Amino acid sequence: MHAIDLTGAVLVDFQLVSCEVGHARFDSAIFEGDTSFAGTRFFEEVSFRTAVFRGRAEFMEARFEKPRLRIDDHLLGPAVFGGTVFEGFTYIEHVKGLSPGDFDGATFAVSRPDVATP
């Protein structure tokens, strides 16, 4: 399983679609334009700490198998998590730009969401 570490990267129209990934670290990354993780399966820990999304972020049908997913303290443009499966511990806290409706159709096994709404 491949690991990805794009800590601090500036990514433009980033696409990681229908892939299988082990560890993934996007801490402090800046996502410009449209970003998609649609259909991607993450098997280990995934972190987006202090990442900034400046466009649409799509996680449709993504699957976080057993990892710990951490999303906190960053700005997120329009986001879609429909059909996403969160098997492991999911930590979503103090995120601006998300609403509970962005998770329609998503499945959470274990979570600690604190979704900031406007």
PDB file of N, CA and C in Angstrom:
ATOM      1  N   MET A   1       0.843  -1.173   0.000  1.00  0.00           N
ATOM      2  CA  MET A   1       0.000   0.000   0.000  1.00  0.00           C
ATOM      3  C   MET A   1       0.892   1.240   0.000  1.00  0.00           C
ATOM      4  N   HIS A   2       0.597   2.179  -0.835  1.00  0.00           N
ATOM      5  CA  HIS A   2       1.393   3.403  -0.953  1.00  0.00           C
ATOM      6  C   HIS A   2       0.997   4.429   0.098  1.00  0.00           C
ATOM      7  N   ALA A   3       1.982   5.174   0.545  1.00  0.00           N
ATOM      8  CA  ALA A   3       1.751   6.283   1.473  1.00  0.00           C
ATOM      9  C   ALA A   3       1.934   7.586   0.705  1.00  0.00           C
ATOM     10  N   ILE A   4       1.201   8.615   1.128  1.00  0.00           N
ATOM     11  CA  ILE A   4       1.300   9.936   0.513  1.00  0.00           C
ATOM     12  C   ILE A   4       1.578  10.944   1.610  1.00  0.00           C
ATOM     13  N   ASP A   5       2.589  11.776   1.407  1.00  0.00           N
ATOM     14  CA  ASP A   5       2.845  12.877   2.334  1.00  0.00           C
ATOM     15  C   ASP A   5       2.986  14.149   1.508  1.00  0.00           C
ATOM     16  N   LEU A   6       1.933  14.943   1.497  1.00  0.00           N
ATOM     17  CA  LEU A   6       1.920  16.211   0.766  1.00  0.00           C
ATOM     18  C   LEU A   6       1.793  17.370   1.751  1.00  0.00           C
ATOM     19  N   THR A   7       2.406  17.213   2.904  1.00  0.00           N
ATOM     20  CA  THR A   7       2.397  18.252   3.927  1.00  0.00           C
ATOM     21  C   THR A   7       2.931  19.555   3.343  1.00  0.00           C
ATOM     22  N   GLY A   8       2.156  20.627   3.492  1.00  0.00           N
ATOM     23  CA  GLY A   8       2.578  21.952   3.055  1.00  0.00           C
ATOM     24  C   GLY A   8       2.535  22.179   1.552  1.00  0.00           C
ATOM     25  N   ALA A   9       2.070  21.223   0.782  1.00  0.00           N
ATOM     26  CA  ALA A   9       2.035  21.367  -0.681  1.00  0.00           C
ATOM     27  C   ALA A   9       0.931  22.331  -1.109  1.00  0.00           C
ATOM     28  N   VAL A  10       1.128  22.957  -2.252  1.00  0.00           N
ATOM     29  CA  VAL A  10       0.076  23.741  -2.906  1.00  0.00           C
ATOM     30  C   VAL A  10      -0.365  22.900  -4.095  1.00  0.00           C
ATOM     31  N   LEU A  11      -1.628  22.486  -4.083  1.00  0.00           N
ATOM     32  CA  LEU A  11      -2.151  21.559  -5.085  1.00  0.00           C
ATOM     33  C   LEU A  11      -3.276  22.236  -5.861  1.00  0.00           C
ATOM     34  N   VAL A  12      -3.180  22.231  -7.181  1.00  0.00           N
ATOM     35  CA  VAL A  12      -4.163  22.891  -8.030  1.00  0.00           C
ATOM     36  C   VAL A  12      -4.977  21.827  -8.768  1.00  0.00           C
ATOM     37  N   ASP A  13      -6.310  21.885  -8.594  1.00  0.00           N
ATOM     38  CA  ASP A  13      -7.217  20.915  -9.211  1.00  0.00           C
ATOM     39  C   ASP A  13      -6.743  19.482  -8.952  1.00  0.00           C
ATOM     40  N   PHE A  14      -6.437  19.181  -7.704  1.00  0.00           N
ATOM     41  CA  PHE A  14      -5.897  17.886  -7.287  1.00  0.00           C
ATOM     42  C   PHE A  14      -6.943  16.784  -7.434  1.00  0.00           C
ATOM     43  N   GLN A  15      -6.558  15.670  -8.049  1.00  0.00           N
ATOM     44  CA  GLN A  15      -7.441  14.531  -8.254  1.00  0.00           C
ATOM     45  C   GLN A  15      -6.760  13.266  -7.748  1.00  0.00           C
ATOM     46  N   LEU A  16      -7.353  12.632  -6.757  1.00  0.00           N
ATOM     47  CA  LEU A  16      -6.906  11.328  -6.273  1.00  0.00           C
ATOM     48  C   LEU A  16      -8.167  10.467  -6.284  1.00  0.00           C
ATOM     49  N   VAL A  17      -8.508   9.956  -7.461  1.00  0.00           N
ATOM     50  CA  VAL A  17      -9.802   9.333  -7.704  1.00  0.00           C
ATOM     51  C   VAL A  17      -9.650   7.824  -7.879  1.00  0.00           C
ATOM     52  N   SER A  18     -10.505   7.084  -7.170  1.00  0.00           N
ATOM     53  CA  SER A  18     -10.553   5.617  -7.275  1.00  0.00           C
ATOM     54  C   SER A  18      -9.187   4.970  -7.049  1.00  0.00           C
ATOM     55  N   CYS A  19      -8.479   5.444  -6.035  1.00  0.00           N
ATOM     56  CA  CYS A  19      -7.161   4.908  -5.685  1.00  0.00           C
ATOM     57  C   CYS A  19      -7.240   4.150  -4.368  1.00  0.00           C
ATOM     58  N   GLU A  20      -6.183   3.404  -4.059  1.00  0.00           N
ATOM     59  CA  GLU A  20      -6.037   2.760  -2.762  1.00  0.00           C
ATOM     60  C   GLU A  20      -4.779   3.313  -2.117  1.00  0.00           C
ATOM     61  N   VAL A  21      -4.934   3.860  -0.892  1.00  0.00           N
ATOM     62  CA  VAL A  21      -3.852   4.574  -0.226  1.00  0.00           C
ATOM     63  C   VAL A  21      -3.707   4.069   1.206  1.00  0.00           C
ATOM     64  N   GLY A  22      -2.449   3.952   1.660  1.00  0.00           N
ATOM     65  CA  GLY A  22      -2.183   3.623   3.059  1.00  0.00           C
ATOM     66  C   GLY A  22      -2.264   4.911   3.865  1.00  0.00           C
ATOM     67  N   HIS A  23      -1.160   5.324   4.471  1.00  0.00           N
ATOM     68  CA  HIS A  23      -1.112   6.589   5.207  1.00  0.00           C
ATOM     69  C   HIS A  23      -1.226   7.750   4.228  1.00  0.00           C
ATOM     70  N   ALA A  24      -1.947   8.798   4.620  1.00  0.00           N
ATOM     71  CA  ALA A  24      -2.040   9.999   3.790  1.00  0.00           C
ATOM     72  C   ALA A  24      -1.972  11.220   4.698  1.00  0.00           C
ATOM     73  N   ARG A  25      -1.055  12.118   4.383  1.00  0.00           N
ATOM     74  CA  ARG A  25      -0.884  13.336   5.181  1.00  0.00           C
ATOM     75  C   ARG A  25      -0.934  14.534   4.239  1.00  0.00           C
ATOM     76  N   PHE A  26      -1.929  15.407   4.504  1.00  0.00           N
ATOM     77  CA  PHE A  26      -2.120  16.632   3.741  1.00  0.00           C
ATOM     78  C   PHE A  26      -2.076  17.844   4.684  1.00  0.00           C
ATOM     79  N   ASP A  27      -1.393  17.711   5.799  1.00  0.00           N
ATOM     80  CA  ASP A  27      -1.337  18.783   6.798  1.00  0.00           C
ATOM     81  C   ASP A  27      -0.773  20.059   6.177  1.00  0.00           C
ATOM     82  N   SER A  28      -1.429  21.175   6.463  1.00  0.00           N
ATOM     83  CA  SER A  28      -1.030  22.505   5.992  1.00  0.00           C
ATOM     84  C   SER A  28      -0.992  22.636   4.474  1.00  0.00           C
ATOM     85  N   ALA A  29      -1.572  21.700   3.755  1.00  0.00           N
ATOM     86  CA  ALA A  29      -1.632  21.802   2.293  1.00  0.00           C
ATOM     87  C   ALA A  29      -2.681  22.835   1.898  1.00  0.00           C
ATOM     88  N   ILE A  30      -2.498  23.418   0.732  1.00  0.00           N
ATOM     89  CA  ILE A  30      -3.471  24.354   0.181  1.00  0.00           C
ATOM     90  C   ILE A  30      -3.994  23.744  -1.110  1.00  0.00           C
ATOM     91  N   PHE A  31      -5.292  23.517  -1.157  1.00  0.00           N
ATOM     92  CA  PHE A  31      -5.945  22.952  -2.332  1.00  0.00           C
ATOM     93  C   PHE A  31      -6.631  24.088  -3.079  1.00  0.00           C
ATOM     94  N   GLU A  32      -6.128  24.426  -4.260  1.00  0.00           N
ATOM     95  CA  GLU A  32      -6.705  25.475  -5.102  1.00  0.00           C
ATOM     96  C   GLU A  32      -7.582  24.822  -6.164  1.00  0.00           C
ATOM     97  N   GLY A  33      -8.718  25.417  -6.462  1.00  0.00           N
ATOM     98  CA  GLY A  33      -9.596  24.858  -7.488  1.00  0.00           C
ATOM     99  C   GLY A  33     -10.347  23.651  -6.974  1.00  0.00           C
ATOM    100  N   ASP A  34     -10.819  22.835  -7.904  1.00  0.00           N
ATOM    101  CA  ASP A  34     -11.607  21.659  -7.538  1.00  0.00           C
ATOM    102  C   ASP A  34     -10.696  20.502  -7.136  1.00  0.00           C
ATOM    103  N   THR A  35     -11.062  19.846  -6.041  1.00  0.00           N
ATOM    104  CA  THR A  35     -10.297  18.723  -5.504  1.00  0.00           C
ATOM    105  C   THR A  35     -11.219  17.516  -5.421  1.00  0.00           C
ATOM    106  N   SER A  36     -10.737  16.348  -5.808  1.00  0.00           N
ATOM    107  CA  SER A  36     -11.569  15.155  -5.712  1.00  0.00           C
ATOM    108  C   SER A  36     -10.791  13.966  -5.152  1.00  0.00           C
ATOM    109  N   PHE A  37     -11.436  13.320  -4.174  1.00  0.00           N
ATOM    110  CA  PHE A  37     -10.968  12.058  -3.608  1.00  0.00           C
ATOM    111  C   PHE A  37     -12.045  10.995  -3.853  1.00  0.00           C
ATOM    112  N   ALA A  38     -12.900  11.209  -4.847  1.00  0.00           N
ATOM    113  CA  ALA A  38     -14.047  10.338  -5.116  1.00  0.00           C
ATOM    114  C   ALA A  38     -13.613   8.900  -5.333  1.00  0.00           C
ATOM    115  N   GLY A  39     -14.278   7.999  -4.637  1.00  0.00           N
ATOM    116  CA  GLY A  39     -14.041   6.574  -4.815  1.00  0.00           C
ATOM    117  C   GLY A  39     -12.721   6.053  -4.281  1.00  0.00           C
ATOM    118  N   THR A  40     -11.937   6.886  -3.622  1.00  0.00           N
ATOM    119  CA  THR A  40     -10.647   6.450  -3.098  1.00  0.00           C
ATOM    120  C   THR A  40     -10.827   5.726  -1.766  1.00  0.00           C
ATOM    121  N   ARG A  41     -10.044   4.674  -1.560  1.00  0.00           N
ATOM    122  CA  ARG A  41     -10.074   3.904  -0.308  1.00  0.00           C
ATOM    123  C   ARG A  41      -8.796   4.198   0.460  1.00  0.00           C
ATOM    124  N   PHE A  42      -8.969   4.645   1.696  1.00  0.00           N
ATOM    125  CA  PHE A  42      -7.847   4.928   2.591  1.00  0.00           C
ATOM    126  C   PHE A  42      -7.815   3.829   3.645  1.00  0.00           C
ATOM    127  N   PHE A  43      -6.668   3.181   3.791  1.00  0.00           N
ATOM    128  CA  PHE A  43      -6.566   2.029   4.690  1.00  0.00           C
ATOM    129  C   PHE A  43      -5.900   2.349   6.018  1.00  0.00           C
ATOM    130  N   GLU A  44      -5.222   3.495   6.114  1.00  0.00           N
ATOM    131  CA  GLU A  44      -4.547   3.850   7.353  1.00  0.00           C
ATOM    132  C   GLU A  44      -4.857   5.310   7.685  1.00  0.00           C
ATOM    133  N   GLU A  45      -4.132   5.881   8.616  1.00  0.00           N
ATOM    134  CA  GLU A  45      -4.433   7.226   9.096  1.00  0.00           C
ATOM    135  C   GLU A  45      -4.374   8.267   7.979  1.00  0.00           C
ATOM    136  N   VAL A  46      -5.335   9.200   8.019  1.00  0.00           N
ATOM    137  CA  VAL A  46      -5.412  10.297   7.053  1.00  0.00           C
ATOM    138  C   VAL A  46      -5.530  11.592   7.848  1.00  0.00           C
ATOM    139  N   SER A  47      -4.730  12.595   7.483  1.00  0.00           N
ATOM    140  CA  SER A  47      -4.761  13.862   8.209  1.00  0.00           C
ATOM    141  C   SER A  47      -4.776  15.048   7.249  1.00  0.00           C
ATOM    142  N   PHE A  48      -5.682  15.989   7.546  1.00  0.00           N
ATOM    143  CA  PHE A  48      -5.801  17.246   6.810  1.00  0.00           C
ATOM    144  C   PHE A  48      -5.651  18.416   7.792  1.00  0.00           C
ATOM    145  N   ARG A  49      -4.844  18.266   8.824  1.00  0.00           N
ATOM    146  CA  ARG A  49      -4.718  19.318   9.844  1.00  0.00           C
ATOM    147  C   ARG A  49      -4.258  20.621   9.212  1.00  0.00           C
ATOM    148  N   THR A  50      -4.990  21.669   9.477  1.00  0.00           N
ATOM    149  CA  THR A  50      -4.753  23.041   8.998  1.00  0.00           C
ATOM    150  C   THR A  50      -4.640  23.146   7.480  1.00  0.00           C
ATOM    151  N   ALA A  51      -5.185  22.193   6.761  1.00  0.00           N
ATOM    152  CA  ALA A  51      -5.240  22.300   5.301  1.00  0.00           C
ATOM    153  C   ALA A  51      -6.304  23.328   4.918  1.00  0.00           C
ATOM    154  N   VAL A  52      -6.154  23.918   3.755  1.00  0.00           N
ATOM    155  CA  VAL A  52      -7.104  24.922   3.270  1.00  0.00           C
ATOM    156  C   VAL A  52      -7.603  24.486   1.898  1.00  0.00           C
ATOM    157  N   PHE A  53      -8.921  24.423   1.751  1.00  0.00           N
ATOM    158  CA  PHE A  53      -9.540  24.117   0.464  1.00  0.00           C
ATOM    159  C   PHE A  53     -10.141  25.407  -0.071  1.00  0.00           C
ATOM    160  N   ARG A  54      -9.707  25.844  -1.230  1.00  0.00           N
ATOM    161  CA  ARG A  54     -10.194  27.096  -1.820  1.00  0.00           C
ATOM    162  C   ARG A  54     -11.061  26.838  -3.044  1.00  0.00           C
ATOM    163  N   GLY A  55     -11.709  25.726  -3.068  1.00  0.00           N
ATOM    164  CA  GLY A  55     -12.609  25.355  -4.155  1.00  0.00           C
ATOM    165  C   GLY A  55     -13.464  24.206  -3.674  1.00  0.00           C
ATOM    166  N   ARG A  56     -14.118  23.564  -4.590  1.00  0.00           N
ATOM    167  CA  ARG A  56     -14.985  22.430  -4.259  1.00  0.00           C
ATOM    168  C   ARG A  56     -14.136  21.228  -3.859  1.00  0.00           C
ATOM    169  N   ALA A  57     -14.553  20.540  -2.802  1.00  0.00           N
ATOM    170  CA  ALA A  57     -13.880  19.317  -2.350  1.00  0.00           C
ATOM    171  C   ALA A  57     -14.879  18.172  -2.425  1.00  0.00           C
ATOM    172  N   GLU A  58     -14.545  17.150  -3.177  1.00  0.00           N
ATOM    173  CA  GLU A  58     -15.455  16.026  -3.361  1.00  0.00           C
ATOM    174  C   GLU A  58     -14.856  14.748  -2.787  1.00  0.00           C
ATOM    175  N   PHE A  59     -15.633  14.125  -1.896  1.00  0.00           N
ATOM    176  CA  PHE A  59     -15.244  12.855  -1.278  1.00  0.00           C
ATOM    177  C   PHE A  59     -16.305  11.790  -1.565  1.00  0.00           C
ATOM    178  N   MET A  60     -17.110  11.983  -2.603  1.00  0.00           N
ATOM    179  CA  MET A  60     -18.198  11.057  -2.921  1.00  0.00           C
ATOM    180  C   MET A  60     -17.679   9.624  -3.013  1.00  0.00           C
ATOM    181  N   GLU A  61     -18.372   8.729  -2.295  1.00  0.00           N
ATOM    182  CA  GLU A  61     -18.067   7.302  -2.331  1.00  0.00           C
ATOM    183  C   GLU A  61     -16.648   6.958  -1.872  1.00  0.00           C
ATOM    184  N   ALA A  62     -15.953   7.898  -1.237  1.00  0.00           N
ATOM    185  CA  ALA A  62     -14.638   7.564  -0.667  1.00  0.00           C
ATOM    186  C   ALA A  62     -14.866   6.641   0.524  1.00  0.00           C
ATOM    187  N   ARG A  63     -13.833   5.913   0.871  1.00  0.00           N
ATOM    188  CA  ARG A  63     -13.972   4.963   1.988  1.00  0.00           C
ATOM    189  C   ARG A  63     -12.738   5.055   2.865  1.00  0.00           C
ATOM    190  N   PHE A  64     -12.973   5.379   4.122  1.00  0.00           N
ATOM    191  CA  PHE A  64     -11.912   5.440   5.122  1.00  0.00           C
ATOM    192  C   PHE A  64     -12.049   4.167   5.937  1.00  0.00           C
ATOM    193  N   GLU A  65     -11.306   3.122   5.549  1.00  0.00           N
ATOM    194  CA  GLU A  65     -11.506   1.766   6.058  1.00  0.00           C
ATOM    195  C   GLU A  65     -11.324   1.617   7.562  1.00  0.00           C
ATOM    196  N   LYS A  66     -10.131   1.825   8.057  1.00  0.00           N
ATOM    197  CA  LYS A  66      -9.887   1.673   9.478  1.00  0.00           C
ATOM    198  C   LYS A  66      -9.033   2.803  10.015  1.00  0.00           C
ATOM    199  N   PRO A  67      -8.840   3.806   9.241  1.00  0.00           N
ATOM    200  CA  PRO A  67      -7.907   4.831   9.693  1.00  0.00           C
ATOM    201  C   PRO A  67      -8.544   5.792  10.661  1.00  0.00           C
ATOM    202  N   ARG A  68      -7.706   6.582  11.190  1.00  0.00           N
ATOM    203  CA  ARG A  68      -8.153   7.750  11.930  1.00  0.00           C
ATOM    204  C   ARG A  68      -8.129   8.882  10.911  1.00  0.00           C
ATOM    205  N   LEU A  69      -9.239   9.572  10.790  1.00  0.00           N
ATOM    206  CA  LEU A  69      -9.338  10.712   9.879  1.00  0.00           C
ATOM    207  C   LEU A  69      -9.415  11.969  10.714  1.00  0.00           C
ATOM    208  N   ARG A  70      -8.553  12.924  10.427  1.00  0.00           N
ATOM    209  CA  ARG A  70      -8.544  14.172  11.184  1.00  0.00           C
ATOM    210  C   ARG A  70      -8.674  15.343  10.226  1.00  0.00           C
ATOM    211  N   ILE A  71      -9.752  16.115  10.416  1.00  0.00           N
ATOM    212  CA  ILE A  71      -9.980  17.345   9.664  1.00  0.00           C
ATOM    213  C   ILE A  71     -10.292  18.410  10.696  1.00  0.00           C
ATOM    214  N   ASP A  72      -9.429  19.429  10.808  1.00  0.00           N
ATOM    215  CA  ASP A  72      -9.727  20.471  11.780  1.00  0.00           C
ATOM    216  C   ASP A  72      -9.103  21.805  11.394  1.00  0.00           C
ATOM    217  N   ASP A  73      -9.705  22.864  11.906  1.00  0.00           N
ATOM    218  CA  ASP A  73      -9.176  24.220  11.813  1.00  0.00           C
ATOM    219  C   ASP A  73      -8.785  24.652  10.410  1.00  0.00           C
ATOM    220  N   HIS A  74      -9.587  24.349   9.429  1.00  0.00           N
ATOM    221  CA  HIS A  74      -9.280  24.852   8.100  1.00  0.00           C
ATOM    222  C   HIS A  74     -10.548  25.281   7.389  1.00  0.00           C
ATOM    223  N   LEU A  75     -10.376  26.015   6.337  1.00  0.00           N
ATOM    224  CA  LEU A  75     -11.496  26.488   5.539  1.00  0.00           C
ATOM    225  C   LEU A  75     -11.793  25.468   4.461  1.00  0.00           C
ATOM    226  N   LEU A  76     -13.049  25.190   4.259  1.00  0.00           N
ATOM    227  CA  LEU A  76     -13.444  24.235   3.245  1.00  0.00           C
ATOM    228  C   LEU A  76     -14.514  24.889   2.391  1.00  0.00           C
ATOM    229  N   GLY A  77     -14.293  24.930   1.096  1.00  0.00           N
ATOM    230  CA  GLY A  77     -15.303  25.448   0.185  1.00  0.00           C
ATOM    231  C   GLY A  77     -16.445  24.451   0.125  1.00  0.00           C
ATOM    232  N   PRO A  78     -17.258  24.510  -0.907  1.00  0.00           N
ATOM    233  CA  PRO A  78     -18.334  23.531  -1.014  1.00  0.00           C
ATOM    234  C   PRO A  78     -17.759  22.115  -0.952  1.00  0.00           C
ATOM    235  N   ALA A  79     -18.372  21.270  -0.130  1.00  0.00           N
ATOM    236  CA  ALA A  79     -17.861  19.909   0.042  1.00  0.00           C
ATOM    237  C   ALA A  79     -18.995  18.904  -0.103  1.00  0.00           C
ATOM    238  N   VAL A  80     -18.667  17.741  -0.655  1.00  0.00           N
ATOM    239  CA  VAL A  80     -19.651  16.686  -0.832  1.00  0.00           C
ATOM    240  C   VAL A  80     -19.063  15.388  -0.279  1.00  0.00           C
ATOM    241  N   PHE A  81     -19.760  14.796   0.700  1.00  0.00           N
ATOM    242  CA  PHE A  81     -19.335  13.542   1.314  1.00  0.00           C
ATOM    243  C   PHE A  81     -20.383  12.450   1.120  1.00  0.00           C
ATOM    244  N   GLY A  82     -21.334  12.638   0.200  1.00  0.00           N
ATOM    245  CA  GLY A  82     -22.402  11.669  -0.016  1.00  0.00           C
ATOM    246  C   GLY A  82     -21.866  10.287  -0.324  1.00  0.00           C
ATOM    247  N   GLY A  83     -22.372   9.285   0.377  1.00  0.00           N
ATOM    248  CA  GLY A  83     -21.961   7.911   0.148  1.00  0.00           C
ATOM    249  C   GLY A  83     -20.604   7.549   0.734  1.00  0.00           C
ATOM    250  N   THR A  84     -19.970   8.486   1.423  1.00  0.00           N
ATOM    251  CA  THR A  84     -18.667   8.212   2.022  1.00  0.00           C
ATOM    252  C   THR A  84     -18.849   7.335   3.257  1.00  0.00           C
ATOM    253  N   VAL A  85     -17.933   6.394   3.449  1.00  0.00           N
ATOM    254  CA  VAL A  85     -17.982   5.492   4.599  1.00  0.00           C
ATOM    255  C   VAL A  85     -16.778   5.784   5.485  1.00  0.00           C
ATOM    256  N   PHE A  86     -17.051   6.100   6.746  1.00  0.00           N
ATOM    257  CA  PHE A  86     -16.019   6.377   7.740  1.00  0.00           C
ATOM    258  C   PHE A  86     -16.022   5.225   8.747  1.00  0.00           C
ATOM    259  N   GLU A  87     -15.117   4.260   8.574  1.00  0.00           N
ATOM    260  CA  GLU A  87     -15.071   3.082   9.441  1.00  0.00           C
ATOM    261  C   GLU A  87     -14.353   3.346  10.753  1.00  0.00           C
ATOM    262  N   GLY A  88     -13.299   4.141  10.720  1.00  0.00           N
ATOM    263  CA  GLY A  88     -12.496   4.391  11.905  1.00  0.00           C
ATOM    264  C   GLY A  88     -12.933   5.648  12.628  1.00  0.00           C
ATOM    265  N   PHE A  89     -12.131   6.067  13.580  1.00  0.00           N
ATOM    266  CA  PHE A  89     -12.402   7.270  14.353  1.00  0.00           C
ATOM    267  C   PHE A  89     -12.300   8.470  13.427  1.00  0.00           C
ATOM    268  N   THR A  90     -13.330   9.292  13.394  1.00  0.00           N
ATOM    269  CA  THR A  90     -13.370  10.461  12.530  1.00  0.00           C
ATOM    270  C   THR A  90     -13.445  11.702  13.394  1.00  0.00           C
ATOM    271  N   TYR A  91     -12.472  12.560  13.240  1.00  0.00           N
ATOM    272  CA  TYR A  91     -12.362  13.777  14.043  1.00  0.00           C
ATOM    273  C   TYR A  91     -12.553  14.959  13.113  1.00  0.00           C
ATOM    274  N   ILE A  92     -13.723  15.599  13.185  1.00  0.00           N
ATOM    275  CA  ILE A  92     -14.027  16.768  12.367  1.00  0.00           C
ATOM    276  C   ILE A  92     -14.429  17.864  13.336  1.00  0.00           C
ATOM    277  N   GLU A  93     -13.577  18.863  13.490  1.00  0.00           N
ATOM    278  CA  GLU A  93     -13.842  19.875  14.503  1.00  0.00           C
ATOM    279  C   GLU A  93     -13.415  21.258  14.036  1.00  0.00           C
ATOM    280  N   HIS A  94     -14.229  22.243  14.368  1.00  0.00           N
ATOM    281  CA  HIS A  94     -13.940  23.649  14.085  1.00  0.00           C
ATOM    282  C   HIS A  94     -13.680  23.915  12.607  1.00  0.00           C
ATOM    283  N   VAL A  95     -14.409  23.250  11.753  1.00  0.00           N
ATOM    284  CA  VAL A  95     -14.228  23.429  10.310  1.00  0.00           C
ATOM    285  C   VAL A  95     -15.235  24.452   9.810  1.00  0.00           C
ATOM    286  N   LYS A  96     -14.744  25.485   9.161  1.00  0.00           N
ATOM    287  CA  LYS A  96     -15.613  26.521   8.614  1.00  0.00           C
ATOM    288  C   LYS A  96     -16.031  26.114   7.212  1.00  0.00           C
ATOM    289  N   GLY A  97     -17.291  26.348   6.892  1.00  0.00           N
ATOM    290  CA  GLY A  97     -17.761  26.087   5.539  1.00  0.00           C
ATOM    291  C   GLY A  97     -18.482  24.776   5.363  1.00  0.00           C
ATOM    292  N   LEU A  98     -18.530  23.936   6.395  1.00  0.00           N
ATOM    293  CA  LEU A  98     -19.261  22.674   6.314  1.00  0.00           C
ATOM    294  C   LEU A  98     -20.599  22.801   7.013  1.00  0.00           C
ATOM    295  N   SER A  99     -21.544  22.009   6.555  1.00  0.00           N
ATOM    296  CA  SER A  99     -22.815  21.915   7.254  1.00  0.00           C
ATOM    297  C   SER A  99     -23.178  20.436   7.360  1.00  0.00           C
ATOM    298  N   PRO A 100     -24.041  20.078   8.304  1.00  0.00           N
ATOM    299  CA  PRO A 100     -24.415  18.667   8.435  1.00  0.00           C
ATOM    300  C   PRO A 100     -24.951  18.073   7.134  1.00  0.00           C
ATOM    301  N   GLY A 101     -25.601  18.894   6.291  1.00  0.00           N
ATOM    302  CA  GLY A 101     -26.135  18.409   5.017  1.00  0.00           C
ATOM    303  C   GLY A 101     -25.068  17.939   4.047  1.00  0.00           C
ATOM    304  N   ASP A 102     -23.843  18.390   4.234  1.00  0.00           N
ATOM    305  CA  ASP A 102     -22.747  17.953   3.361  1.00  0.00           C
ATOM    306  C   ASP A 102     -22.447  16.467   3.538  1.00  0.00           C
ATOM    307  N   PHE A 103     -22.974  15.869   4.609  1.00  0.00           N
ATOM    308  CA  PHE A 103     -22.712  14.467   4.922  1.00  0.00           C
ATOM    309  C   PHE A 103     -23.925  13.580   4.647  1.00  0.00           C
ATOM    310  N   ASP A 104     -24.921  14.090   3.912  1.00  0.00           N
ATOM    311  CA  ASP A 104     -26.094  13.282   3.584  1.00  0.00           C
ATOM    312  C   ASP A 104     -25.665  11.998   2.886  1.00  0.00           C
ATOM    313  N   GLY A 105     -26.125  10.875   3.405  1.00  0.00           N
ATOM    314  CA  GLY A 105     -25.794   9.580   2.822  1.00  0.00           C
ATOM    315  C   GLY A 105     -24.474   9.000   3.291  1.00  0.00           C
ATOM    316  N   ALA A 106     -23.738   9.731   4.122  1.00  0.00           N
ATOM    317  CA  ALA A 106     -22.464   9.216   4.646  1.00  0.00           C
ATOM    318  C   ALA A 106     -22.738   8.302   5.837  1.00  0.00           C
ATOM    319  N   THR A 107     -21.815   7.369   6.074  1.00  0.00           N
ATOM    320  CA  THR A 107     -21.931   6.433   7.187  1.00  0.00           C
ATOM    321  C   THR A 107     -20.744   6.607   8.111  1.00  0.00           C
ATOM    322  N   PHE A 108     -21.032   6.790   9.409  1.00  0.00           N
ATOM    323  CA  PHE A 108     -19.995   6.943  10.424  1.00  0.00           C
ATOM    324  C   PHE A 108     -20.079   5.782  11.396  1.00  0.00           C
ATOM    325  N   ALA A 109     -18.955   5.060  11.585  1.00  0.00           N
ATOM    326  CA  ALA A 109     -18.917   3.999  12.587  1.00  0.00           C
ATOM    327  C   ALA A 109     -18.608   4.600  13.955  1.00  0.00           C
ATOM    328  N   VAL A 110     -17.595   5.449  14.025  1.00  0.00           N
ATOM    329  CA  VAL A 110     -17.181   6.112  15.255  1.00  0.00           C
ATOM    330  C   VAL A 110     -16.783   7.519  14.868  1.00  0.00           C
ATOM    331  N   SER A 111     -17.306   8.524  15.569  1.00  0.00           N
ATOM    332  CA  SER A 111     -16.938   9.881  15.177  1.00  0.00           C
ATOM    333  C   SER A 111     -17.048  10.855  16.338  1.00  0.00           C
ATOM    334  N   ARG A 112     -16.436  12.004  16.137  1.00  0.00           N
ATOM    335  CA  ARG A 112     -16.561  13.120  17.057  1.00  0.00           C
ATOM    336  C   ARG A 112     -16.729  14.384  16.215  1.00  0.00           C
ATOM    337  N   PRO A 113     -17.858  14.488  15.514  1.00  0.00           N
ATOM    338  CA  PRO A 113     -18.020  15.661  14.665  1.00  0.00           C
ATOM    339  C   PRO A 113     -18.439  16.893  15.451  1.00  0.00           C
ATOM    340  N   ASP A 114     -17.905  18.010  15.090  1.00  0.00           N
ATOM    341  CA  ASP A 114     -18.289  19.295  15.624  1.00  0.00           C
ATOM    342  C   ASP A 114     -18.264  20.241  14.422  1.00  0.00           C
ATOM    343  N   VAL A 115     -19.256  20.081  13.571  1.00  0.00           N
ATOM    344  CA  VAL A 115     -19.276  20.784  12.291  1.00  0.00           C
ATOM    345  C   VAL A 115     -19.751  22.208  12.512  1.00  0.00           C
ATOM    346  N   ALA A 116     -18.908  23.170  12.130  1.00  0.00           N
ATOM    347  CA  ALA A 116     -19.259  24.590  12.259  1.00  0.00           C
ATOM    348  C   ALA A 116     -20.220  24.952  11.146  1.00  0.00           C
ATOM    349  N   THR A 117     -21.288  25.624  11.501  1.00  0.00           N
ATOM    350  CA  THR A 117     -22.235  26.069  10.490  1.00  0.00           C
ATOM    351  C   THR A 117     -22.296  27.592  10.514  1.00  0.00           C
ATOM    352  N   PRO A 118     -22.563  28.191   9.344  1.00  0.00           N
ATOM    353  CA  PRO A 118     -22.595  29.656   9.285  1.00  0.00           C
ATOM    354  C   PRO A 118     -23.730  30.246  10.088  1.00  0.00           C
TER     355      PRO A 118
END
